[in-house]
Amino acid sequence: MSDLDRIRWNCRRGLLELDLILAQFLERHLEALDPDQLEIFKELLDYPDNDLLDLVMCRAELTGRRCKALLDLMRDA
């Protein structure tokens, strides 16, 4: 299984809203992400479903700026 296939598999979550956001993000942006962005995305996928959804929906913010650009891409998807 390739790295991108693992990422796609890890995007299958337990919340429908999050699944829809991640599916749209994958369709629009996955192939264009650079290696650093892929690492950040994999780190975001380690968050529990509700926490990740809160981040994407702007109900919570991360203190570090490292993930901001990628979260902005996810929010625009």
N, C-alpha and C. Protein backbone atom coordinates (compact mmCIF):
# COMPACT_ATOMS: atom_id res chain seq x y z
N MET A 1 0.85 -1.17 0.00
CA MET A 1 0.00 0.00 0.00
C MET A 1 0.90 1.24 0.00
N SER A 2 0.63 2.16 -0.89
CA SER A 2 1.43 3.37 -0.99
C SER A 2 1.08 4.34 0.14
N ASP A 3 1.94 5.33 0.32
CA ASP A 3 1.72 6.33 1.37
C ASP A 3 0.40 7.08 1.14
N LEU A 4 0.12 7.43 -0.11
CA LEU A 4 -1.13 8.14 -0.40
C LEU A 4 -2.36 7.25 -0.14
N ASP A 5 -2.22 5.95 -0.42
CA ASP A 5 -3.32 5.03 -0.12
C ASP A 5 -3.57 4.94 1.39
N ARG A 6 -2.49 4.94 2.17
CA ARG A 6 -2.64 4.92 3.64
C ARG A 6 -3.34 6.19 4.13
N ILE A 7 -2.97 7.31 3.54
CA ILE A 7 -3.60 8.57 3.92
C ILE A 7 -5.09 8.53 3.58
N ARG A 8 -5.42 8.05 2.39
CA ARG A 8 -6.84 7.94 2.01
C ARG A 8 -7.60 7.05 3.00
N TRP A 9 -6.98 5.93 3.37
CA TRP A 9 -7.61 5.01 4.31
C TRP A 9 -7.81 5.68 5.67
N ASN A 10 -6.81 6.43 6.13
CA ASN A 10 -6.90 7.11 7.43
C ASN A 10 -7.91 8.25 7.43
N CYS A 11 -8.35 8.67 6.26
CA CYS A 11 -9.35 9.73 6.16
C CYS A 11 -10.77 9.20 6.33
N ARG A 12 -10.91 7.91 6.44
CA ARG A 12 -12.22 7.32 6.70
C ARG A 12 -12.44 7.39 8.20
N ARG A 13 -13.34 8.25 8.61
CA ARG A 13 -13.52 8.55 10.03
C ARG A 13 -14.91 8.14 10.50
N GLY A 14 -15.21 8.47 11.73
CA GLY A 14 -16.49 8.09 12.32
C GLY A 14 -17.56 9.17 12.26
N LEU A 15 -17.19 10.35 11.82
CA LEU A 15 -18.16 11.45 11.73
C LEU A 15 -18.43 11.77 10.26
N LEU A 16 -19.68 11.74 9.88
CA LEU A 16 -20.05 12.00 8.49
C LEU A 16 -19.56 13.35 8.02
N GLU A 17 -19.73 14.38 8.86
CA GLU A 17 -19.30 15.73 8.46
C GLU A 17 -17.81 15.75 8.15
N LEU A 18 -17.02 15.12 9.00
CA LEU A 18 -15.58 15.08 8.79
C LEU A 18 -15.23 14.25 7.57
N ASP A 19 -15.91 13.13 7.37
CA ASP A 19 -15.69 12.31 6.17
C ASP A 19 -15.91 13.13 4.89
N LEU A 20 -16.96 13.91 4.87
CA LEU A 20 -17.27 14.71 3.68
C LEU A 20 -16.20 15.77 3.44
N ILE A 21 -15.76 16.44 4.49
CA ILE A 21 -14.72 17.46 4.36
C ILE A 21 -13.43 16.83 3.87
N LEU A 22 -13.03 15.72 4.49
CA LEU A 22 -11.78 15.06 4.10
C LEU A 22 -11.84 14.51 2.68
N ALA A 23 -12.98 13.96 2.28
CA ALA A 23 -13.12 13.44 0.92
C ALA A 23 -12.95 14.54 -0.11
N GLN A 24 -13.55 15.67 0.16
CA GLN A 24 -13.43 16.79 -0.77
C GLN A 24 -12.00 17.33 -0.80
N PHE A 25 -11.37 17.40 0.36
CA PHE A 25 -9.98 17.85 0.43
C PHE A 25 -9.07 16.90 -0.34
N LEU A 26 -9.26 15.61 -0.16
CA LEU A 26 -8.43 14.63 -0.87
C LEU A 26 -8.58 14.79 -2.38
N GLU A 27 -9.82 14.94 -2.82
CA GLU A 27 -10.09 15.06 -4.25
C GLU A 27 -9.43 16.30 -4.85
N ARG A 28 -9.46 17.39 -4.12
CA ARG A 28 -8.94 18.66 -4.66
C ARG A 28 -7.45 18.86 -4.45
N HIS A 29 -6.89 18.34 -3.34
CA HIS A 29 -5.55 18.78 -2.96
C HIS A 29 -4.50 17.69 -2.72
N LEU A 30 -4.90 16.45 -2.48
CA LEU A 30 -3.93 15.45 -2.04
C LEU A 30 -2.75 15.31 -2.99
N GLU A 31 -2.99 15.19 -4.26
CA GLU A 31 -1.92 14.97 -5.23
C GLU A 31 -0.94 16.14 -5.32
N ALA A 32 -1.38 17.33 -4.94
CA ALA A 32 -0.54 18.53 -5.07
C ALA A 32 0.24 18.87 -3.80
N LEU A 33 -0.01 18.14 -2.70
CA LEU A 33 0.69 18.46 -1.45
C LEU A 33 2.17 18.10 -1.56
N ASP A 34 3.02 18.97 -1.01
CA ASP A 34 4.44 18.67 -0.98
C ASP A 34 4.72 17.77 0.23
N PRO A 35 5.92 17.20 0.34
CA PRO A 35 6.21 16.26 1.44
C PRO A 35 5.98 16.85 2.83
N ASP A 36 6.32 18.13 3.04
CA ASP A 36 6.08 18.74 4.34
C ASP A 36 4.59 18.84 4.65
N GLN A 37 3.81 19.21 3.65
CA GLN A 37 2.37 19.31 3.85
C GLN A 37 1.76 17.93 4.13
N LEU A 38 2.28 16.91 3.46
CA LEU A 38 1.80 15.54 3.71
C LEU A 38 2.06 15.14 5.16
N GLU A 39 3.23 15.47 5.68
CA GLU A 39 3.55 15.15 7.07
C GLU A 39 2.62 15.88 8.02
N ILE A 40 2.36 17.14 7.75
CA ILE A 40 1.45 17.91 8.59
C ILE A 40 0.04 17.31 8.52
N PHE A 41 -0.39 16.92 7.33
CA PHE A 41 -1.71 16.33 7.17
C PHE A 41 -1.81 15.02 7.96
N LYS A 42 -0.76 14.21 7.91
CA LYS A 42 -0.76 12.96 8.67
C LYS A 42 -0.82 13.24 10.17
N GLU A 43 -0.15 14.29 10.63
CA GLU A 43 -0.23 14.67 12.04
C GLU A 43 -1.65 15.09 12.41
N LEU A 44 -2.29 15.83 11.53
CA LEU A 44 -3.67 16.24 11.79
C LEU A 44 -4.59 15.03 11.86
N LEU A 45 -4.33 14.02 11.04
CA LEU A 45 -5.16 12.83 11.04
C LEU A 45 -5.02 12.02 12.33
N ASP A 46 -3.98 12.30 13.11
CA ASP A 46 -3.81 11.63 14.40
C ASP A 46 -4.74 12.19 15.48
N TYR A 47 -5.33 13.36 15.23
CA TYR A 47 -6.27 13.94 16.18
C TYR A 47 -7.54 13.11 16.23
N PRO A 48 -8.18 13.05 17.39
CA PRO A 48 -9.50 12.40 17.46
C PRO A 48 -10.49 13.11 16.54
N ASP A 49 -11.48 12.39 16.09
CA ASP A 49 -12.44 12.92 15.12
C ASP A 49 -13.04 14.26 15.54
N ASN A 50 -13.55 14.34 16.76
CA ASN A 50 -14.21 15.57 17.19
C ASN A 50 -13.23 16.74 17.26
N ASP A 51 -12.01 16.49 17.69
CA ASP A 51 -11.01 17.56 17.76
C ASP A 51 -10.62 18.04 16.37
N LEU A 52 -10.46 17.10 15.44
CA LEU A 52 -10.11 17.48 14.07
C LEU A 52 -11.25 18.26 13.42
N LEU A 53 -12.47 17.83 13.63
CA LEU A 53 -13.61 18.55 13.08
C LEU A 53 -13.67 19.97 13.66
N ASP A 54 -13.43 20.10 14.97
CA ASP A 54 -13.42 21.43 15.58
C ASP A 54 -12.35 22.32 14.96
N LEU A 55 -11.18 21.76 14.67
CA LEU A 55 -10.11 22.54 14.04
C LEU A 55 -10.52 23.00 12.64
N VAL A 56 -11.08 22.08 11.88
CA VAL A 56 -11.46 22.42 10.50
C VAL A 56 -12.62 23.42 10.47
N MET A 57 -13.53 23.30 11.43
CA MET A 57 -14.70 24.18 11.47
C MET A 57 -14.43 25.49 12.22
N CYS A 58 -13.18 25.74 12.59
CA CYS A 58 -12.77 26.98 13.30
C CYS A 58 -13.41 27.10 14.69
N ARG A 59 -13.77 25.99 15.28
CA ARG A 59 -14.29 26.02 16.65
C ARG A 59 -13.16 25.86 17.66
N ALA A 60 -11.96 25.55 17.15
CA ALA A 60 -10.76 25.42 17.97
C ALA A 60 -9.58 25.85 17.11
N GLU A 61 -8.52 26.26 17.75
CA GLU A 61 -7.32 26.69 17.03
C GLU A 61 -6.10 26.01 17.63
N LEU A 62 -5.13 25.73 16.80
CA LEU A 62 -3.85 25.22 17.27
C LEU A 62 -2.96 26.40 17.60
N THR A 63 -2.10 26.22 18.57
CA THR A 63 -1.21 27.32 18.95
C THR A 63 -0.09 27.51 17.94
N GLY A 64 0.37 26.45 17.30
CA GLY A 64 1.45 26.56 16.33
C GLY A 64 0.96 27.03 14.97
N ARG A 65 1.79 27.73 14.27
CA ARG A 65 1.43 28.25 12.94
C ARG A 65 1.71 27.21 11.85
N ARG A 66 2.37 26.12 12.21
CA ARG A 66 2.80 25.11 11.25
C ARG A 66 1.62 24.53 10.46
N CYS A 67 0.52 24.32 11.11
CA CYS A 67 -0.63 23.67 10.49
C CYS A 67 -1.62 24.64 9.86
N LYS A 68 -1.44 25.92 10.10
CA LYS A 68 -2.44 26.91 9.68
C LYS A 68 -2.72 26.87 8.18
N ALA A 69 -1.69 26.83 7.35
CA ALA A 69 -1.91 26.85 5.90
C ALA A 69 -2.68 25.61 5.44
N LEU A 70 -2.35 24.47 6.01
CA LEU A 70 -3.04 23.25 5.61
C LEU A 70 -4.48 23.26 6.12
N LEU A 71 -4.71 23.73 7.32
CA LEU A 71 -6.08 23.85 7.82
C LEU A 71 -6.88 24.82 6.96
N ASP A 72 -6.26 25.88 6.51
CA ASP A 72 -6.95 26.82 5.61
C ASP A 72 -7.37 26.13 4.32
N LEU A 73 -6.49 25.27 3.77
CA LEU A 73 -6.83 24.51 2.57
C LEU A 73 -8.03 23.58 2.85
N MET A 74 -8.00 22.94 4.00
CA MET A 74 -9.09 22.03 4.36
C MET A 74 -10.40 22.80 4.52
N ARG A 75 -10.32 23.98 5.09
CA ARG A 75 -11.52 24.80 5.29
C ARG A 75 -12.10 25.29 3.97
N ASP A 76 -11.24 25.51 2.99
CA ASP A 76 -11.70 25.99 1.68
C ASP A 76 -12.23 24.86 0.81
N ALA A 77 -11.91 23.62 1.16
CA ALA A 77 -12.35 22.48 0.36
C ALA A 77 -13.85 22.38 0.47
